[in-house]
N, C-alpha and C. Protein backbone atom coordinates (compact mmCIF):
# COMPACT_ATOMS: atom_id res chain seq x y z
N MET A 1 17.67 -9.99 -10.17
CA MET A 1 16.75 -8.88 -10.13
C MET A 1 17.32 -7.69 -10.90
N THR A 2 18.62 -7.51 -10.86
CA THR A 2 19.23 -6.36 -11.53
C THR A 2 19.00 -6.41 -13.04
N MET A 3 19.19 -7.58 -13.62
CA MET A 3 19.00 -7.72 -15.06
C MET A 3 17.54 -7.44 -15.43
N SER A 4 16.62 -7.81 -14.58
CA SER A 4 15.20 -7.56 -14.83
C SER A 4 14.90 -6.06 -14.80
N ILE A 5 15.51 -5.36 -13.88
CA ILE A 5 15.29 -3.91 -13.78
C ILE A 5 15.89 -3.19 -14.98
N VAL A 6 17.07 -3.61 -15.41
CA VAL A 6 17.68 -3.02 -16.60
C VAL A 6 16.82 -3.28 -17.82
N ALA A 7 16.24 -4.49 -17.89
CA ALA A 7 15.40 -4.85 -19.03
C ALA A 7 14.16 -3.97 -19.13
N VAL A 8 13.70 -3.42 -18.01
CA VAL A 8 12.53 -2.54 -18.02
C VAL A 8 12.79 -1.32 -18.90
N PHE A 9 14.00 -0.83 -18.89
CA PHE A 9 14.33 0.37 -19.67
C PHE A 9 14.47 0.08 -21.16
N LEU A 10 14.65 -1.18 -21.51
CA LEU A 10 14.80 -1.53 -22.91
C LEU A 10 13.49 -2.00 -23.54
N PHE A 11 12.78 -2.91 -22.89
CA PHE A 11 11.51 -3.39 -23.44
C PHE A 11 10.65 -3.87 -22.28
N TRP A 12 9.84 -2.99 -21.74
CA TRP A 12 9.12 -3.26 -20.51
C TRP A 12 8.07 -4.36 -20.60
N PRO A 13 7.40 -4.60 -21.74
CA PRO A 13 6.39 -5.67 -21.73
C PRO A 13 6.95 -7.05 -21.39
N LEU A 14 8.17 -7.33 -21.78
CA LEU A 14 8.77 -8.61 -21.43
C LEU A 14 9.51 -8.56 -20.10
N ALA A 15 9.80 -7.39 -19.62
CA ALA A 15 10.53 -7.26 -18.36
C ALA A 15 9.61 -7.43 -17.14
N ILE A 16 8.34 -7.17 -17.30
CA ILE A 16 7.42 -7.31 -16.18
C ILE A 16 7.35 -8.75 -15.66
N PRO A 17 7.19 -9.76 -16.54
CA PRO A 17 7.23 -11.13 -16.02
C PRO A 17 8.58 -11.48 -15.39
N ALA A 18 9.64 -10.88 -15.89
CA ALA A 18 10.97 -11.13 -15.31
C ALA A 18 11.03 -10.60 -13.88
N ILE A 19 10.50 -9.42 -13.64
CA ILE A 19 10.51 -8.85 -12.30
C ILE A 19 9.60 -9.65 -11.36
N ILE A 20 8.45 -10.08 -11.88
CA ILE A 20 7.54 -10.88 -11.05
C ILE A 20 8.22 -12.18 -10.62
N ASN A 21 8.88 -12.85 -11.56
CA ASN A 21 9.56 -14.10 -11.21
C ASN A 21 10.76 -13.86 -10.31
N ALA A 22 11.47 -12.76 -10.52
CA ALA A 22 12.62 -12.46 -9.67
C ALA A 22 12.19 -12.18 -8.24
N SER A 23 11.01 -11.59 -8.09
CA SER A 23 10.52 -11.30 -6.74
C SER A 23 10.07 -12.56 -6.01
N LYS A 24 9.91 -13.66 -6.70
CA LYS A 24 9.52 -14.92 -6.07
C LYS A 24 10.70 -15.72 -5.54
N VAL A 25 11.92 -15.33 -5.89
CA VAL A 25 13.10 -16.11 -5.53
C VAL A 25 13.37 -16.07 -4.03
N ASN A 26 13.49 -14.89 -3.44
CA ASN A 26 13.82 -14.79 -2.01
C ASN A 26 12.78 -15.44 -1.10
N PRO A 27 11.48 -15.22 -1.31
CA PRO A 27 10.51 -15.92 -0.46
C PRO A 27 10.61 -17.45 -0.58
N ALA A 28 10.89 -17.94 -1.78
CA ALA A 28 11.04 -19.38 -1.95
C ALA A 28 12.27 -19.89 -1.19
N LEU A 29 13.34 -19.12 -1.22
CA LEU A 29 14.53 -19.51 -0.47
C LEU A 29 14.28 -19.50 1.03
N GLN A 30 13.53 -18.52 1.51
CA GLN A 30 13.23 -18.44 2.94
C GLN A 30 12.35 -19.59 3.40
N ARG A 31 11.49 -20.09 2.51
CA ARG A 31 10.66 -21.24 2.84
C ARG A 31 11.44 -22.55 2.74
N GLY A 32 12.63 -22.48 2.13
CA GLY A 32 13.42 -23.69 1.94
C GLY A 32 13.10 -24.41 0.64
N ASP A 33 12.36 -23.74 -0.23
CA ASP A 33 11.98 -24.31 -1.54
C ASP A 33 13.06 -23.95 -2.56
N TYR A 34 14.15 -24.70 -2.53
CA TYR A 34 15.27 -24.39 -3.41
C TYR A 34 14.95 -24.68 -4.87
N ALA A 35 14.18 -25.70 -5.13
CA ALA A 35 13.78 -26.02 -6.51
C ALA A 35 12.88 -24.92 -7.07
N GLY A 36 11.96 -24.43 -6.25
CA GLY A 36 11.09 -23.34 -6.68
C GLY A 36 11.85 -22.06 -6.92
N ALA A 37 12.85 -21.80 -6.06
CA ALA A 37 13.68 -20.60 -6.23
C ALA A 37 14.49 -20.69 -7.52
N GLN A 38 15.02 -21.86 -7.80
CA GLN A 38 15.79 -22.03 -9.05
C GLN A 38 14.89 -21.89 -10.26
N ALA A 39 13.69 -22.43 -10.19
CA ALA A 39 12.75 -22.33 -11.31
C ALA A 39 12.36 -20.88 -11.54
N ALA A 40 12.09 -20.15 -10.47
CA ALA A 40 11.71 -18.73 -10.61
C ALA A 40 12.89 -17.92 -11.16
N ALA A 41 14.09 -18.23 -10.71
CA ALA A 41 15.27 -17.52 -11.20
C ALA A 41 15.50 -17.81 -12.68
N ALA A 42 15.28 -19.06 -13.08
CA ALA A 42 15.45 -19.42 -14.49
C ALA A 42 14.42 -18.70 -15.36
N GLU A 43 13.18 -18.65 -14.89
CA GLU A 43 12.13 -17.93 -15.64
C GLU A 43 12.46 -16.44 -15.73
N SER A 44 12.92 -15.87 -14.64
CA SER A 44 13.28 -14.46 -14.62
C SER A 44 14.41 -14.19 -15.60
N ARG A 45 15.40 -15.06 -15.60
CA ARG A 45 16.54 -14.91 -16.50
C ARG A 45 16.08 -15.00 -17.96
N LYS A 46 15.18 -15.94 -18.24
CA LYS A 46 14.67 -16.12 -19.60
C LYS A 46 13.95 -14.86 -20.09
N TRP A 47 13.02 -14.34 -19.27
CA TRP A 47 12.27 -13.16 -19.66
C TRP A 47 13.17 -11.93 -19.77
N SER A 48 14.13 -11.81 -18.87
CA SER A 48 15.07 -10.69 -18.93
C SER A 48 15.90 -10.74 -20.20
N LYS A 49 16.35 -11.93 -20.54
CA LYS A 49 17.17 -12.08 -21.74
C LYS A 49 16.38 -11.70 -22.99
N TRP A 50 15.12 -12.15 -23.07
CA TRP A 50 14.30 -11.80 -24.21
C TRP A 50 14.02 -10.30 -24.27
N ALA A 51 13.78 -9.69 -23.12
CA ALA A 51 13.55 -8.25 -23.09
C ALA A 51 14.79 -7.49 -23.54
N LEU A 52 15.96 -7.94 -23.12
CA LEU A 52 17.20 -7.28 -23.55
C LEU A 52 17.42 -7.45 -25.04
N ILE A 53 17.19 -8.65 -25.56
CA ILE A 53 17.39 -8.90 -26.99
C ILE A 53 16.44 -8.06 -27.83
N VAL A 54 15.17 -8.08 -27.47
CA VAL A 54 14.18 -7.32 -28.24
C VAL A 54 14.43 -5.81 -28.11
N GLY A 55 14.75 -5.36 -26.91
CA GLY A 55 15.00 -3.93 -26.70
C GLY A 55 16.21 -3.43 -27.46
N ILE A 56 17.30 -4.17 -27.40
CA ILE A 56 18.51 -3.76 -28.13
C ILE A 56 18.27 -3.81 -29.63
N ALA A 57 17.58 -4.86 -30.11
CA ALA A 57 17.27 -4.95 -31.54
C ALA A 57 16.40 -3.77 -31.97
N TRP A 58 15.43 -3.41 -31.14
CA TRP A 58 14.55 -2.28 -31.45
C TRP A 58 15.34 -0.98 -31.57
N TYR A 59 16.25 -0.75 -30.63
CA TYR A 59 17.05 0.47 -30.69
C TYR A 59 17.98 0.48 -31.90
N VAL A 60 18.54 -0.66 -32.25
CA VAL A 60 19.43 -0.74 -33.41
C VAL A 60 18.64 -0.48 -34.69
N ILE A 61 17.47 -1.10 -34.81
CA ILE A 61 16.64 -0.89 -36.00
C ILE A 61 16.22 0.57 -36.10
N THR A 62 15.84 1.17 -35.00
CA THR A 62 15.45 2.59 -35.00
C THR A 62 16.62 3.47 -35.41
N LEU A 63 17.81 3.19 -34.87
CA LEU A 63 18.99 3.97 -35.22
C LEU A 63 19.32 3.84 -36.70
N VAL A 64 19.28 2.63 -37.24
CA VAL A 64 19.58 2.41 -38.65
C VAL A 64 18.56 3.13 -39.53
N CYS A 65 17.28 3.05 -39.17
CA CYS A 65 16.25 3.73 -39.96
C CYS A 65 16.44 5.25 -39.93
N CYS A 66 16.78 5.79 -38.77
CA CYS A 66 17.00 7.23 -38.67
C CYS A 66 18.21 7.65 -39.50
N LEU A 67 19.28 6.87 -39.42
CA LEU A 67 20.47 7.20 -40.19
C LEU A 67 20.20 7.10 -41.69
N LEU A 68 19.50 6.04 -42.11
CA LEU A 68 19.19 5.90 -43.54
C LEU A 68 18.24 6.98 -44.01
N GLY A 69 17.29 7.35 -43.17
CA GLY A 69 16.38 8.43 -43.53
C GLY A 69 17.10 9.76 -43.64
N GLY A 70 18.04 9.99 -42.73
CA GLY A 70 18.82 11.22 -42.80
C GLY A 70 19.71 11.25 -44.02
N LEU A 71 20.32 10.11 -44.34
CA LEU A 71 21.16 10.04 -45.54
C LEU A 71 20.32 10.22 -46.80
N ALA A 72 19.13 9.64 -46.82
CA ALA A 72 18.25 9.80 -47.98
C ALA A 72 17.85 11.27 -48.13
N GLY A 73 17.62 11.92 -47.02
CA GLY A 73 17.27 13.34 -47.08
C GLY A 73 18.42 14.19 -47.58
N ILE A 74 19.64 13.84 -47.18
CA ILE A 74 20.81 14.58 -47.63
C ILE A 74 21.07 14.33 -49.10
N MET A 75 20.98 13.07 -49.50
CA MET A 75 21.26 12.72 -50.89
C MET A 75 20.18 13.24 -51.83
N GLY A 76 18.95 13.32 -51.35
CA GLY A 76 17.86 13.74 -52.21
C GLY A 76 17.66 15.23 -52.26
N SER A 77 18.33 15.96 -51.41
CA SER A 77 18.14 17.40 -51.42
C SER A 77 18.88 18.03 -52.60
N ASP A 78 18.26 19.01 -53.18
CA ASP A 78 18.86 19.71 -54.33
C ASP A 78 19.60 20.92 -53.80
N THR A 79 20.92 20.88 -53.89
CA THR A 79 21.72 21.98 -53.38
C THR A 79 22.12 22.99 -54.46
N SER A 80 21.75 22.70 -55.71
CA SER A 80 22.11 23.64 -56.76
C SER A 80 21.20 24.87 -56.70
N THR A 81 21.74 25.97 -57.12
CA THR A 81 20.94 27.20 -57.12
C THR A 81 20.28 27.33 -58.48
N SER A 82 19.02 27.50 -58.45
CA SER A 82 18.30 27.70 -59.70
C SER A 82 17.32 28.85 -59.52
N SER A 83 17.10 29.56 -60.58
CA SER A 83 16.17 30.69 -60.50
C SER A 83 14.79 30.22 -60.93
N TYR A 84 13.81 30.82 -60.32
CA TYR A 84 12.43 30.44 -60.63
C TYR A 84 11.83 31.38 -61.60
């Protein structure tokens, strides 16, 4: 469940199915459905992993674009003094 909650902060559209599946684990265990609990945990882990991968990739791409845009702005600016 913890990984699913962390994934919400990185990429929530994929983290929602992870939380739904994680919430199915304890009731399945209480019913004695160990296979169902394992299946729900595996699904939760899968969705959480994808949310983490996509979220981290998104932040890295955004950071790189911001840095490149800032560098382009610095390199393209004319710092020489000229009279009009």
